[in-house]
Amino acid sequence: MTEPTLPLTPEQRIKELEEQLALSNQKAQFFEAVVNVLKNDYGVSIVKKRPGKSSRKGKSKA
């Protein structure tokens, strides 16, 4: 990544943020479409985990 040498003007920063928002929205739509295909075509249920929950099991002491 290149670091800008001069601070961005407010207009430039707004344009940059709008581009980031558009990309984030595209990614969200893509992932929603993937989840829908998994659900409708394969019967796979995807559930968002609550914060603080881990899928890792505690190490067994064998």
N, C-alpha and C. Protein backbone atom coordinates (compact mmCIF):
# COMPACT_ATOMS: atom_id res chain seq x y z
N MET A 1 0.84 -1.18 0.00
CA MET A 1 0.00 0.00 0.00
C MET A 1 0.87 1.23 0.00
N THR A 2 0.42 2.25 -0.69
CA THR A 2 1.18 3.48 -0.72
C THR A 2 0.59 4.46 0.27
N GLU A 3 1.44 5.14 0.97
CA GLU A 3 1.02 6.14 1.94
C GLU A 3 0.96 7.49 1.23
N PRO A 4 -0.16 8.21 1.32
CA PRO A 4 -0.21 9.53 0.71
C PRO A 4 0.70 10.48 1.49
N THR A 5 1.41 11.33 0.75
CA THR A 5 2.32 12.26 1.41
C THR A 5 1.57 13.47 1.94
N LEU A 6 0.46 13.84 1.29
CA LEU A 6 -0.32 14.97 1.75
C LEU A 6 -1.65 14.47 2.30
N PRO A 7 -2.18 15.14 3.31
CA PRO A 7 -3.49 14.72 3.81
C PRO A 7 -4.56 14.94 2.73
N LEU A 8 -5.55 14.07 2.72
CA LEU A 8 -6.61 14.18 1.73
C LEU A 8 -7.53 15.34 2.08
N THR A 9 -8.07 15.95 1.03
CA THR A 9 -9.07 16.99 1.26
C THR A 9 -10.35 16.30 1.73
N PRO A 10 -11.25 17.03 2.36
CA PRO A 10 -12.50 16.40 2.79
C PRO A 10 -13.24 15.73 1.62
N GLU A 11 -13.22 16.35 0.45
CA GLU A 11 -13.89 15.77 -0.71
C GLU A 11 -13.24 14.46 -1.13
N GLN A 12 -11.90 14.43 -1.10
CA GLN A 12 -11.19 13.20 -1.46
C GLN A 12 -11.46 12.10 -0.45
N ARG A 13 -11.49 12.46 0.82
CA ARG A 13 -11.75 11.48 1.88
C ARG A 13 -13.17 10.92 1.75
N ILE A 14 -14.14 11.79 1.45
CA ILE A 14 -15.52 11.34 1.26
C ILE A 14 -15.59 10.38 0.09
N LYS A 15 -14.92 10.70 -1.02
CA LYS A 15 -14.93 9.82 -2.19
C LYS A 15 -14.31 8.47 -1.84
N GLU A 16 -13.20 8.49 -1.10
CA GLU A 16 -12.55 7.24 -0.69
C GLU A 16 -13.47 6.40 0.19
N LEU A 17 -14.14 7.04 1.13
CA LEU A 17 -15.06 6.33 2.02
C LEU A 17 -16.27 5.79 1.26
N GLU A 18 -16.76 6.55 0.28
CA GLU A 18 -17.88 6.07 -0.54
C GLU A 18 -17.48 4.83 -1.33
N GLU A 19 -16.24 4.81 -1.85
CA GLU A 19 -15.75 3.64 -2.59
C GLU A 19 -15.63 2.43 -1.66
N GLN A 20 -15.14 2.65 -0.44
CA GLN A 20 -15.03 1.56 0.53
C GLN A 20 -16.41 1.03 0.90
N LEU A 21 -17.38 1.92 1.05
CA LEU A 21 -18.74 1.52 1.38
C LEU A 21 -19.35 0.70 0.24
N ALA A 22 -19.14 1.13 -0.99
CA ALA A 22 -19.67 0.39 -2.14
C ALA A 22 -19.07 -1.01 -2.19
N LEU A 23 -17.78 -1.13 -1.95
CA LEU A 23 -17.12 -2.43 -1.96
C LEU A 23 -17.65 -3.31 -0.82
N SER A 24 -17.82 -2.73 0.34
CA SER A 24 -18.36 -3.49 1.48
C SER A 24 -19.78 -3.98 1.19
N ASN A 25 -20.58 -3.14 0.55
CA ASN A 25 -21.95 -3.54 0.21
C ASN A 25 -21.94 -4.68 -0.81
N GLN A 26 -21.03 -4.62 -1.79
CA GLN A 26 -20.92 -5.70 -2.78
C GLN A 26 -20.53 -7.01 -2.10
N LYS A 27 -19.58 -6.94 -1.18
CA LYS A 27 -19.15 -8.14 -0.46
C LYS A 27 -20.29 -8.72 0.36
N ALA A 28 -21.04 -7.85 1.03
CA ALA A 28 -22.16 -8.32 1.85
C ALA A 28 -23.20 -9.01 0.98
N GLN A 29 -23.51 -8.43 -0.18
CA GLN A 29 -24.48 -9.05 -1.09
C GLN A 29 -23.97 -10.40 -1.58
N PHE A 30 -22.68 -10.48 -1.89
CA PHE A 30 -22.10 -11.74 -2.35
C PHE A 30 -22.23 -12.81 -1.28
N PHE A 31 -21.85 -12.49 -0.05
CA PHE A 31 -21.91 -13.48 1.02
C PHE A 31 -23.35 -13.89 1.33
N GLU A 32 -24.28 -12.94 1.25
CA GLU A 32 -25.68 -13.28 1.44
C GLU A 32 -26.14 -14.24 0.35
N ALA A 33 -25.69 -14.01 -0.89
CA ALA A 33 -26.06 -14.91 -2.00
C ALA A 33 -25.48 -16.30 -1.77
N VAL A 34 -24.24 -16.38 -1.29
CA VAL A 34 -23.62 -17.68 -1.01
C VAL A 34 -24.40 -18.41 0.07
N VAL A 35 -24.77 -17.70 1.12
CA VAL A 35 -25.54 -18.31 2.21
C VAL A 35 -26.88 -18.80 1.69
N ASN A 36 -27.53 -18.01 0.84
CA ASN A 36 -28.82 -18.42 0.28
C ASN A 36 -28.68 -19.67 -0.59
N VAL A 37 -27.62 -19.76 -1.39
CA VAL A 37 -27.40 -20.95 -2.22
C VAL A 37 -27.16 -22.16 -1.32
N LEU A 38 -26.34 -22.01 -0.30
CA LEU A 38 -26.09 -23.12 0.62
C LEU A 38 -27.38 -23.58 1.28
N LYS A 39 -28.21 -22.62 1.66
CA LYS A 39 -29.46 -22.96 2.34
C LYS A 39 -30.45 -23.61 1.37
N ASN A 40 -30.67 -22.99 0.22
CA ASN A 40 -31.70 -23.45 -0.71
C ASN A 40 -31.30 -24.69 -1.49
N ASP A 41 -30.05 -24.77 -1.94
CA ASP A 41 -29.62 -25.87 -2.79
C ASP A 41 -29.07 -27.06 -2.01
N TYR A 42 -28.46 -26.80 -0.86
CA TYR A 42 -27.79 -27.86 -0.13
C TYR A 42 -28.38 -28.12 1.25
N GLY A 43 -29.31 -27.29 1.68
CA GLY A 43 -29.94 -27.49 2.98
C GLY A 43 -29.03 -27.19 4.15
N VAL A 44 -27.97 -26.43 3.90
CA VAL A 44 -27.02 -26.09 4.96
C VAL A 44 -27.48 -24.81 5.64
N SER A 45 -27.55 -24.84 6.96
CA SER A 45 -27.97 -23.66 7.71
C SER A 45 -26.73 -22.97 8.27
N ILE A 46 -26.59 -21.71 7.96
CA ILE A 46 -25.47 -20.92 8.46
C ILE A 46 -26.03 -19.95 9.49
N VAL A 47 -25.50 -20.00 10.70
CA VAL A 47 -25.96 -19.13 11.77
C VAL A 47 -24.78 -18.31 12.25
N LYS A 48 -24.98 -17.01 12.33
CA LYS A 48 -23.93 -16.13 12.82
C LYS A 48 -23.76 -16.36 14.32
N LYS A 49 -22.50 -16.52 14.73
CA LYS A 49 -22.23 -16.76 16.15
C LYS A 49 -22.27 -15.45 16.92
N ARG A 50 -22.68 -15.56 18.17
CA ARG A 50 -22.68 -14.39 19.04
C ARG A 50 -21.24 -14.06 19.42
N PRO A 51 -20.94 -12.79 19.64
CA PRO A 51 -19.59 -12.42 20.07
C PRO A 51 -19.24 -13.12 21.38
N GLY A 52 -18.00 -13.54 21.49
CA GLY A 52 -17.55 -14.18 22.72
C GLY A 52 -17.68 -15.68 22.69
N LYS A 53 -18.40 -16.22 21.71
CA LYS A 53 -18.53 -17.67 21.59
C LYS A 53 -17.43 -18.17 20.66
N SER A 54 -16.86 -19.29 21.00
CA SER A 54 -15.80 -19.88 20.19
C SER A 54 -16.23 -21.25 19.73
N SER A 55 -15.80 -21.60 18.52
CA SER A 55 -16.12 -22.94 18.01
C SER A 55 -15.11 -23.97 18.50
N ARG A 56 -14.05 -23.50 19.13
CA ARG A 56 -13.03 -24.42 19.63
C ARG A 56 -13.51 -25.11 20.89
N LYS A 57 -13.22 -26.36 20.96
CA LYS A 57 -13.53 -27.12 22.18
C LYS A 57 -12.32 -27.02 23.09
N GLY A 58 -12.56 -27.15 24.38
CA GLY A 58 -11.45 -27.17 25.33
C GLY A 58 -10.57 -28.38 25.08
N LYS A 59 -9.29 -28.25 25.32
CA LYS A 59 -8.39 -29.38 25.11
C LYS A 59 -8.74 -30.50 26.07
N SER A 60 -8.86 -31.70 25.53
CA SER A 60 -9.18 -32.83 26.40
C SER A 60 -7.92 -33.27 27.13
N LYS A 61 -8.10 -33.66 28.36
CA LYS A 61 -6.95 -34.10 29.17
C LYS A 61 -6.94 -35.61 29.18
N ALA A 62 -6.34 -36.19 28.14
CA ALA A 62 -6.33 -37.66 28.04
C ALA A 62 -4.98 -38.22 28.40
